[in-house]
Amino acid sequence: MGTPSSGGSLLNVFDGGQKSVGPVFGLDSENIPWVLMTARDTGAQSYTFALKVFRGQLAGPNVLFSGPNCTGTAFLEPLAVTQGVYFGPNAISLGGIDYVHGGTVYAAPAGAAVIQVDLGSKAMDDGSCFSGLIGFPGSHVVAATAVTFTTAFTPPYSVR
């Protein structure tokens, strides 16, 4: 996974209903745009994170689960930690989408503790669930909480 390049953007991402999803945050090494989004948990805590923009869906870090069949506690794979966007003064939250459960969005605050846990399954981008060996025993992950956007977005997505 590439690191989003930073900088101001005059481009925005729009959904299939022409609603603005948010500003383009940058491009990864494969020129895939990232959109900066904000969502809230049930306690009204706000999380701002970047998601990759594909025509048919938005994508973030892998959503992983403690149990089989994408059940149990949800975690996010903190790939961004090694890229320097998760810690520090310009840190942003992590956000991932679980298409197994209808597009549930999970987030972890910037700088949340990276912990080691044994994982039982992984939500795949195609809506299926992979159960079995996920990473190594004691994988490094961050705990995640379900969040919602104030507006529902529908594909296809476009940048303009």
N, C-alpha and C. Protein backbone atom coordinates (compact mmCIF):
# COMPACT_ATOMS: atom_id res chain seq x y z
N MET A 1 0.85 -1.17 0.00
CA MET A 1 0.00 0.00 0.00
C MET A 1 0.89 1.23 0.00
N GLY A 2 0.60 2.16 -0.86
CA GLY A 2 1.38 3.39 -0.92
C GLY A 2 0.94 4.38 0.13
N THR A 3 1.69 5.41 0.26
CA THR A 3 1.37 6.48 1.19
C THR A 3 0.71 7.61 0.43
N PRO A 4 -0.41 8.12 0.94
CA PRO A 4 -1.01 9.25 0.24
C PRO A 4 -0.04 10.42 0.21
N SER A 5 0.07 11.06 -0.93
CA SER A 5 0.86 12.28 -0.98
C SER A 5 0.00 13.38 -0.40
N SER A 6 0.59 14.29 0.29
CA SER A 6 -0.20 15.34 0.93
C SER A 6 -0.15 16.61 0.11
N GLY A 7 -0.98 17.51 0.49
CA GLY A 7 -1.03 18.78 -0.22
C GLY A 7 -2.47 19.18 -0.46
N GLY A 8 -2.67 20.43 -0.81
CA GLY A 8 -4.01 20.91 -1.08
C GLY A 8 -4.56 20.29 -2.34
N SER A 9 -5.86 20.22 -2.41
CA SER A 9 -6.49 19.62 -3.57
C SER A 9 -7.70 20.43 -3.96
N LEU A 10 -7.87 20.59 -5.26
CA LEU A 10 -9.08 21.23 -5.77
C LEU A 10 -10.05 20.18 -6.28
N LEU A 11 -9.69 18.91 -6.12
CA LEU A 11 -10.54 17.82 -6.57
C LEU A 11 -11.37 17.28 -5.43
N ASN A 12 -12.59 16.85 -5.75
CA ASN A 12 -13.47 16.23 -4.78
C ASN A 12 -13.95 14.89 -5.31
N VAL A 13 -14.35 14.02 -4.40
CA VAL A 13 -14.94 12.73 -4.75
C VAL A 13 -16.45 12.86 -4.62
N PHE A 14 -17.16 12.34 -5.63
CA PHE A 14 -18.63 12.36 -5.62
C PHE A 14 -19.14 10.94 -5.74
N ASP A 15 -20.30 10.68 -5.14
CA ASP A 15 -20.89 9.35 -5.25
C ASP A 15 -21.83 9.29 -6.44
N GLY A 16 -22.52 8.16 -6.60
CA GLY A 16 -23.42 7.95 -7.73
C GLY A 16 -24.59 8.90 -7.76
N GLY A 17 -24.96 9.44 -6.61
CA GLY A 17 -26.05 10.42 -6.53
C GLY A 17 -25.56 11.85 -6.62
N GLN A 18 -24.29 12.03 -6.99
CA GLN A 18 -23.64 13.33 -7.12
C GLN A 18 -23.48 14.07 -5.80
N LYS A 19 -23.52 13.33 -4.67
CA LYS A 19 -23.23 13.93 -3.36
C LYS A 19 -21.72 13.98 -3.18
N SER A 20 -21.23 15.07 -2.61
CA SER A 20 -19.79 15.19 -2.34
C SER A 20 -19.42 14.28 -1.18
N VAL A 21 -18.46 13.39 -1.42
CA VAL A 21 -17.96 12.49 -0.38
C VAL A 21 -16.89 13.19 0.43
N GLY A 22 -16.05 13.97 -0.23
CA GLY A 22 -14.99 14.71 0.45
C GLY A 22 -13.89 15.07 -0.51
N PRO A 23 -12.89 15.82 -0.01
CA PRO A 23 -11.78 16.25 -0.87
C PRO A 23 -10.78 15.13 -1.12
N VAL A 24 -10.15 15.16 -2.27
CA VAL A 24 -9.05 14.24 -2.55
C VAL A 24 -7.88 14.65 -1.68
N PHE A 25 -7.37 13.69 -0.92
CA PHE A 25 -6.30 13.92 0.04
C PHE A 25 -4.94 13.72 -0.61
N GLY A 26 -4.88 12.91 -1.64
CA GLY A 26 -3.63 12.62 -2.32
C GLY A 26 -3.79 11.39 -3.19
N LEU A 27 -2.67 10.95 -3.75
CA LEU A 27 -2.64 9.76 -4.60
C LEU A 27 -1.63 8.79 -4.03
N ASP A 28 -1.92 7.48 -4.16
CA ASP A 28 -0.93 6.51 -3.72
C ASP A 28 0.05 6.23 -4.86
N SER A 29 0.94 5.30 -4.67
CA SER A 29 1.97 5.02 -5.66
C SER A 29 1.42 4.48 -6.97
N GLU A 30 0.17 4.03 -6.97
CA GLU A 30 -0.48 3.53 -8.19
C GLU A 30 -1.47 4.55 -8.76
N ASN A 31 -1.36 5.80 -8.30
CA ASN A 31 -2.23 6.90 -8.71
C ASN A 31 -3.70 6.68 -8.37
N ILE A 32 -3.96 5.94 -7.30
CA ILE A 32 -5.32 5.76 -6.80
C ILE A 32 -5.59 6.90 -5.81
N PRO A 33 -6.68 7.66 -6.03
CA PRO A 33 -6.95 8.79 -5.13
C PRO A 33 -7.41 8.33 -3.74
N TRP A 34 -7.12 9.15 -2.77
CA TRP A 34 -7.57 8.96 -1.39
C TRP A 34 -8.51 10.12 -1.06
N VAL A 35 -9.60 9.81 -0.39
CA VAL A 35 -10.55 10.84 0.04
C VAL A 35 -10.47 10.97 1.55
N LEU A 36 -10.51 12.19 2.04
CA LEU A 36 -10.49 12.46 3.47
C LEU A 36 -11.94 12.52 3.95
N MET A 37 -12.27 11.67 4.95
CA MET A 37 -13.65 11.57 5.43
C MET A 37 -13.70 11.69 6.94
N THR A 38 -14.85 12.09 7.45
CA THR A 38 -15.06 12.17 8.89
C THR A 38 -16.32 11.40 9.24
N ALA A 39 -16.24 10.60 10.31
CA ALA A 39 -17.38 9.83 10.80
C ALA A 39 -17.41 9.92 12.32
N ARG A 40 -18.53 9.50 12.92
CA ARG A 40 -18.68 9.56 14.38
C ARG A 40 -19.11 8.20 14.92
N ASP A 41 -18.67 7.91 16.16
CA ASP A 41 -19.13 6.69 16.81
C ASP A 41 -20.39 7.02 17.61
N THR A 42 -20.94 6.03 18.31
CA THR A 42 -22.19 6.25 19.06
C THR A 42 -22.02 7.23 20.20
N GLY A 43 -20.80 7.45 20.67
CA GLY A 43 -20.53 8.42 21.72
C GLY A 43 -20.21 9.80 21.17
N ALA A 44 -20.41 10.00 19.85
CA ALA A 44 -20.20 11.28 19.16
C ALA A 44 -18.73 11.65 19.02
N GLN A 45 -17.80 10.71 19.27
CA GLN A 45 -16.39 11.00 19.00
C GLN A 45 -16.20 11.02 17.50
N SER A 46 -15.44 11.99 17.03
CA SER A 46 -15.21 12.17 15.60
C SER A 46 -13.88 11.53 15.20
N TYR A 47 -13.89 10.89 14.02
CA TYR A 47 -12.69 10.25 13.45
C TYR A 47 -12.53 10.77 12.03
N THR A 48 -11.37 11.29 11.69
CA THR A 48 -11.08 11.71 10.32
C THR A 48 -10.02 10.78 9.77
N PHE A 49 -10.30 10.18 8.62
CA PHE A 49 -9.40 9.19 8.04
C PHE A 49 -9.47 9.24 6.52
N ALA A 50 -8.50 8.62 5.89
CA ALA A 50 -8.44 8.59 4.43
C ALA A 50 -8.82 7.20 3.93
N LEU A 51 -9.58 7.15 2.84
CA LEU A 51 -9.94 5.90 2.19
C LEU A 51 -9.57 5.98 0.72
N LYS A 52 -9.17 4.84 0.15
CA LYS A 52 -8.89 4.79 -1.28
C LYS A 52 -10.21 4.83 -2.04
N VAL A 53 -10.19 5.47 -3.20
CA VAL A 53 -11.40 5.63 -4.01
C VAL A 53 -11.28 4.76 -5.26
N PHE A 54 -12.16 3.78 -5.34
CA PHE A 54 -12.32 2.97 -6.55
C PHE A 54 -13.71 3.26 -7.10
N ARG A 55 -13.93 3.03 -8.35
CA ARG A 55 -15.25 3.32 -8.94
C ARG A 55 -16.37 2.62 -8.19
N GLY A 56 -16.17 1.36 -7.81
CA GLY A 56 -17.24 0.59 -7.19
C GLY A 56 -17.28 0.60 -5.68
N GLN A 57 -16.22 1.10 -5.03
CA GLN A 57 -16.21 1.09 -3.56
C GLN A 57 -15.08 1.96 -3.01
N LEU A 58 -15.20 2.24 -1.73
CA LEU A 58 -14.14 2.90 -0.98
C LEU A 58 -13.42 1.81 -0.19
N ALA A 59 -12.13 1.98 0.09
CA ALA A 59 -11.38 0.95 0.79
C ALA A 59 -10.35 1.56 1.72
N GLY A 60 -10.13 0.89 2.83
CA GLY A 60 -9.12 1.31 3.80
C GLY A 60 -8.32 0.12 4.26
N PRO A 61 -7.75 0.20 5.46
CA PRO A 61 -7.00 -0.94 5.99
C PRO A 61 -7.90 -2.17 6.13
N ASN A 62 -7.28 -3.33 6.20
CA ASN A 62 -8.05 -4.56 6.39
C ASN A 62 -8.80 -4.53 7.71
N VAL A 63 -10.07 -5.01 7.68
CA VAL A 63 -10.86 -5.18 8.89
C VAL A 63 -10.72 -6.65 9.27
N LEU A 64 -10.23 -6.89 10.48
CA LEU A 64 -9.94 -8.23 10.97
C LEU A 64 -10.79 -8.51 12.21
N PHE A 65 -11.05 -9.78 12.49
CA PHE A 65 -11.91 -10.15 13.61
C PHE A 65 -11.25 -11.19 14.49
N SER A 66 -11.61 -11.17 15.78
CA SER A 66 -11.04 -12.12 16.74
C SER A 66 -11.62 -13.51 16.54
N GLY A 67 -12.84 -13.63 16.03
CA GLY A 67 -13.48 -14.92 15.87
C GLY A 67 -13.59 -15.36 14.42
N PRO A 68 -14.07 -16.59 14.20
CA PRO A 68 -14.26 -17.08 12.84
C PRO A 68 -15.46 -16.42 12.18
N ASN A 69 -15.53 -16.50 10.86
CA ASN A 69 -16.68 -16.01 10.09
C ASN A 69 -16.98 -14.53 10.33
N CYS A 70 -15.92 -13.76 10.53
CA CYS A 70 -16.03 -12.31 10.73
C CYS A 70 -16.94 -11.95 11.89
N THR A 71 -16.69 -12.62 13.01
CA THR A 71 -17.42 -12.35 14.26
C THR A 71 -16.42 -11.97 15.34
N GLY A 72 -16.93 -11.48 16.44
CA GLY A 72 -16.08 -11.12 17.56
C GLY A 72 -15.64 -9.67 17.48
N THR A 73 -14.56 -9.35 18.15
CA THR A 73 -14.05 -7.99 18.20
C THR A 73 -13.40 -7.61 16.86
N ALA A 74 -13.69 -6.40 16.40
CA ALA A 74 -13.11 -5.90 15.15
C ALA A 74 -11.81 -5.16 15.42
N PHE A 75 -10.87 -5.35 14.50
CA PHE A 75 -9.58 -4.68 14.56
C PHE A 75 -9.24 -4.15 13.17
N LEU A 76 -8.35 -3.18 13.12
CA LEU A 76 -7.84 -2.68 11.85
C LEU A 76 -6.35 -3.00 11.76
N GLU A 77 -5.93 -3.36 10.57
CA GLU A 77 -4.52 -3.61 10.33
C GLU A 77 -3.83 -2.27 10.13
N PRO A 78 -2.91 -1.90 11.00
CA PRO A 78 -2.33 -0.56 10.96
C PRO A 78 -1.17 -0.42 9.99
N LEU A 79 -1.41 -0.67 8.71
CA LEU A 79 -0.35 -0.53 7.71
C LEU A 79 0.21 0.88 7.69
N ALA A 80 -0.62 1.86 7.96
CA ALA A 80 -0.17 3.24 7.91
C ALA A 80 0.86 3.56 8.99
N VAL A 81 0.93 2.75 10.04
CA VAL A 81 1.90 3.00 11.11
C VAL A 81 3.31 3.04 10.53
N THR A 82 3.61 2.13 9.62
CA THR A 82 4.96 2.09 9.05
C THR A 82 5.17 3.20 8.04
N GLN A 83 4.11 3.84 7.62
CA GLN A 83 4.22 4.92 6.63
C GLN A 83 4.26 6.30 7.30
N GLY A 84 4.15 6.36 8.63
CA GLY A 84 4.30 7.62 9.33
C GLY A 84 3.08 8.51 9.35
N VAL A 85 1.89 8.00 8.98
CA VAL A 85 0.70 8.87 9.00
C VAL A 85 -0.19 8.60 10.20
N TYR A 86 0.15 7.65 11.03
CA TYR A 86 -0.71 7.28 12.15
C TYR A 86 -0.30 7.93 13.46
N PHE A 87 0.98 8.30 13.58
CA PHE A 87 1.48 8.96 14.78
C PHE A 87 2.06 10.32 14.43
N GLY A 88 2.22 11.16 15.44
CA GLY A 88 2.85 12.45 15.22
C GLY A 88 1.84 13.58 15.15
N PRO A 89 2.34 14.80 14.95
CA PRO A 89 1.48 15.98 15.01
C PRO A 89 0.45 16.06 13.88
N ASN A 90 0.70 15.40 12.76
CA ASN A 90 -0.25 15.43 11.64
C ASN A 90 -1.00 14.12 11.49
N ALA A 91 -1.08 13.35 12.56
CA ALA A 91 -1.69 12.02 12.51
C ALA A 91 -3.19 12.11 12.19
N ILE A 92 -3.63 11.09 11.46
CA ILE A 92 -5.07 10.96 11.20
C ILE A 92 -5.51 9.60 11.73
N SER A 93 -6.80 9.43 11.91
CA SER A 93 -7.35 8.16 12.36
C SER A 93 -7.21 7.12 11.25
N LEU A 94 -7.44 5.87 11.61
CA LEU A 94 -7.53 4.79 10.63
C LEU A 94 -9.01 4.47 10.42
N GLY A 95 -9.38 4.17 9.20
CA GLY A 95 -10.76 3.77 8.92
C GLY A 95 -10.77 2.66 7.88
N GLY A 96 -11.55 1.62 8.13
CA GLY A 96 -11.68 0.51 7.20
C GLY A 96 -13.14 0.14 7.02
N ILE A 97 -13.46 -0.51 5.90
CA ILE A 97 -14.85 -0.85 5.61
C ILE A 97 -15.00 -2.37 5.54
N ASP A 98 -16.00 -2.86 6.26
CA ASP A 98 -16.33 -4.29 6.34
C ASP A 98 -17.50 -4.55 5.40
N TYR A 99 -17.22 -5.05 4.19
CA TYR A 99 -18.27 -5.31 3.21
C TYR A 99 -18.99 -6.62 3.49
N VAL A 100 -18.51 -7.43 4.44
CA VAL A 100 -19.21 -8.66 4.83
C VAL A 100 -20.52 -8.30 5.51
N HIS A 101 -20.48 -7.25 6.33
CA HIS A 101 -21.64 -6.82 7.11
C HIS A 101 -22.26 -5.56 6.52
N GLY A 102 -22.41 -5.52 5.21
CA GLY A 102 -23.13 -4.43 4.57
C GLY A 102 -22.40 -3.11 4.49
N GLY A 103 -21.10 -3.10 4.59
CA GLY A 103 -20.35 -1.85 4.49
C GLY A 103 -20.16 -1.14 5.81
N THR A 104 -20.18 -1.88 6.92
CA THR A 104 -19.92 -1.27 8.23
C THR A 104 -18.54 -0.63 8.22
N VAL A 105 -18.46 0.60 8.67
CA VAL A 105 -17.20 1.33 8.72
C VAL A 105 -16.66 1.26 10.14
N TYR A 106 -15.39 0.91 10.26
CA TYR A 106 -14.71 0.86 11.55
C TYR A 106 -13.60 1.89 11.56
N ALA A 107 -13.36 2.47 12.74
CA ALA A 107 -12.30 3.47 12.87
C ALA A 107 -11.56 3.29 14.18
N ALA A 108 -10.32 3.78 14.19
CA ALA A 108 -9.50 3.83 15.39
C ALA A 108 -8.88 5.22 15.44
N PRO A 109 -8.84 5.84 16.61
CA PRO A 109 -8.28 7.19 16.69
C PRO A 109 -6.80 7.22 16.39
N ALA A 110 -6.33 8.34 15.91
CA ALA A 110 -4.90 8.52 15.64
C ALA A 110 -4.11 8.24 16.91
N GLY A 111 -3.05 7.49 16.77
CA GLY A 111 -2.19 7.20 17.91
C GLY A 111 -2.71 6.14 18.85
N ALA A 112 -3.81 5.44 18.51
CA ALA A 112 -4.33 4.37 19.36
C ALA A 112 -3.26 3.30 19.53
N ALA A 113 -3.29 2.62 20.66
CA ALA A 113 -2.28 1.62 20.95
C ALA A 113 -2.31 0.48 19.93
N VAL A 114 -1.14 0.13 19.45
CA VAL A 114 -1.01 -1.06 18.59
C VAL A 114 -0.82 -2.24 19.54
N ILE A 115 -1.70 -3.24 19.42
CA ILE A 115 -1.68 -4.38 20.33
C ILE A 115 -1.44 -5.66 19.53
N GLN A 116 -1.10 -6.72 20.24
CA GLN A 116 -0.92 -8.02 19.61
C GLN A 116 -2.06 -8.94 20.01
N VAL A 117 -2.74 -9.52 19.01
CA VAL A 117 -3.85 -10.45 19.26
C VAL A 117 -3.79 -11.59 18.24
N ASP A 118 -4.45 -12.68 18.58
CA ASP A 118 -4.63 -13.77 17.63
C ASP A 118 -5.93 -13.49 16.89
N LEU A 119 -5.89 -13.61 15.58
CA LEU A 119 -7.04 -13.27 14.74
C LEU A 119 -7.69 -14.52 14.17
N GLY A 120 -9.02 -14.45 13.95
CA GLY A 120 -9.75 -15.60 13.45
C GLY A 120 -10.27 -15.45 12.05
N SER A 121 -10.42 -14.20 11.56
CA SER A 121 -10.98 -14.01 10.22
C SER A 121 -10.71 -12.61 9.70
N LYS A 122 -10.95 -12.46 8.39
CA LYS A 122 -10.69 -11.18 7.72
C LYS A 122 -11.82 -10.89 6.75
N ALA A 123 -12.36 -9.67 6.81
CA ALA A 123 -13.38 -9.22 5.87
C ALA A 123 -12.69 -8.89 4.55
N MET A 124 -13.15 -9.51 3.47
CA MET A 124 -12.56 -9.29 2.16
C MET A 124 -13.33 -8.18 1.43
N ASP A 125 -12.63 -7.50 0.50
CA ASP A 125 -13.25 -6.39 -0.23
C ASP A 125 -14.43 -6.82 -1.09
N ASP A 126 -14.49 -8.11 -1.46
CA ASP A 126 -15.59 -8.59 -2.31
C ASP A 126 -16.82 -8.99 -1.50
N GLY A 127 -16.80 -8.78 -0.18
CA GLY A 127 -17.94 -9.10 0.68
C GLY A 127 -17.88 -10.48 1.28
N SER A 128 -16.86 -11.25 0.98
CA SER A 128 -16.71 -12.57 1.58
C SER A 128 -15.87 -12.46 2.85
N CYS A 129 -15.86 -13.54 3.62
CA CYS A 129 -15.08 -13.58 4.85
C CYS A 129 -14.09 -14.73 4.76
N PHE A 130 -12.82 -14.44 5.05
CA PHE A 130 -11.80 -15.47 5.09
C PHE A 130 -11.58 -15.87 6.53
N SER A 131 -11.82 -17.15 6.84
CA SER A 131 -11.54 -17.67 8.18
C SER A 131 -10.34 -18.60 8.08
N GLY A 132 -9.47 -18.50 9.01
CA GLY A 132 -8.27 -19.32 9.00
C GLY A 132 -7.12 -18.52 9.56
N LEU A 133 -5.92 -18.94 9.22
CA LEU A 133 -4.75 -18.26 9.74
C LEU A 133 -4.64 -16.87 9.11
N ILE A 134 -4.73 -15.85 9.94
CA ILE A 134 -4.62 -14.46 9.51
C ILE A 134 -3.32 -13.93 10.11
N GLY A 135 -2.36 -13.69 9.28
CA GLY A 135 -1.08 -13.19 9.78
C GLY A 135 -0.41 -14.22 10.68
N PHE A 136 0.30 -13.72 11.65
CA PHE A 136 1.00 -14.57 12.60
C PHE A 136 0.28 -14.54 13.92
N PRO A 137 0.43 -15.57 14.75
CA PRO A 137 -0.13 -15.46 16.11
C PRO A 137 0.43 -14.20 16.77
N GLY A 138 -0.42 -13.45 17.39
CA GLY A 138 0.01 -12.20 18.00
C GLY A 138 0.21 -11.10 16.98
N SER A 139 -0.68 -11.03 15.98
CA SER A 139 -0.59 -10.00 14.95
C SER A 139 -0.74 -8.60 15.55
N HIS A 140 -0.08 -7.64 14.94
CA HIS A 140 -0.16 -6.25 15.41
C HIS A 140 -1.38 -5.59 14.77
N VAL A 141 -2.29 -5.12 15.62
CA VAL A 141 -3.53 -4.49 15.15
C VAL A 141 -3.89 -3.35 16.10
N VAL A 142 -4.91 -2.60 15.72
CA VAL A 142 -5.49 -1.59 16.62
C VAL A 142 -6.97 -1.91 16.77
N ALA A 143 -7.48 -1.74 17.98
CA ALA A 143 -8.90 -1.98 18.23
C ALA A 143 -9.72 -0.95 17.46
N ALA A 144 -10.86 -1.37 16.95
CA ALA A 144 -11.69 -0.49 16.13
C ALA A 144 -13.11 -0.43 16.67
N THR A 145 -13.77 0.66 16.39
CA THR A 145 -15.17 0.83 16.77
C THR A 145 -15.98 1.18 15.53
N ALA A 146 -17.23 0.75 15.51
CA ALA A 146 -18.10 1.06 14.38
C ALA A 146 -18.43 2.55 14.39
N VAL A 147 -18.41 3.16 13.21
CA VAL A 147 -18.72 4.59 13.07
C VAL A 147 -19.71 4.76 11.92
N THR A 148 -20.32 5.94 11.87
CA THR A 148 -21.27 6.23 10.79
C THR A 148 -20.98 7.61 10.22
N PHE A 149 -21.33 7.76 8.95
CA PHE A 149 -21.25 9.06 8.30
C PHE A 149 -22.59 9.76 8.46
N THR A 150 -22.60 11.08 8.41
CA THR A 150 -23.86 11.81 8.50
C THR A 150 -24.67 11.67 7.21
N THR A 151 -24.01 11.28 6.13
CA THR A 151 -24.66 11.08 4.84
C THR A 151 -24.31 9.70 4.33
N ALA A 152 -25.27 9.00 3.75
CA ALA A 152 -24.99 7.70 3.13
C ALA A 152 -24.50 7.92 1.71
N PHE A 153 -23.45 7.20 1.32
CA PHE A 153 -22.88 7.34 -0.01
C PHE A 153 -23.08 6.05 -0.79
N THR A 154 -23.30 6.18 -2.10
CA THR A 154 -23.51 5.02 -2.95
C THR A 154 -22.60 5.10 -4.17
N PRO A 155 -22.07 3.93 -4.59
CA PRO A 155 -21.25 3.91 -5.79
C PRO A 155 -22.12 4.13 -7.03
N PRO A 156 -21.53 4.42 -8.16
CA PRO A 156 -20.10 4.52 -8.42
C PRO A 156 -19.55 5.87 -7.95
N TYR A 157 -18.24 5.88 -7.68
CA TYR A 157 -17.56 7.08 -7.22
C TYR A 157 -16.77 7.69 -8.35
N SER A 158 -16.68 9.02 -8.35
CA SER A 158 -15.92 9.71 -9.38
C SER A 158 -15.14 10.85 -8.74
N VAL A 159 -14.08 11.26 -9.41
CA VAL A 159 -13.23 12.37 -8.94
C VAL A 159 -13.32 13.47 -9.98
N ARG A 160 -13.59 14.67 -9.50
CA ARG A 160 -13.60 15.82 -10.42
C ARG A 160 -13.35 17.12 -9.66
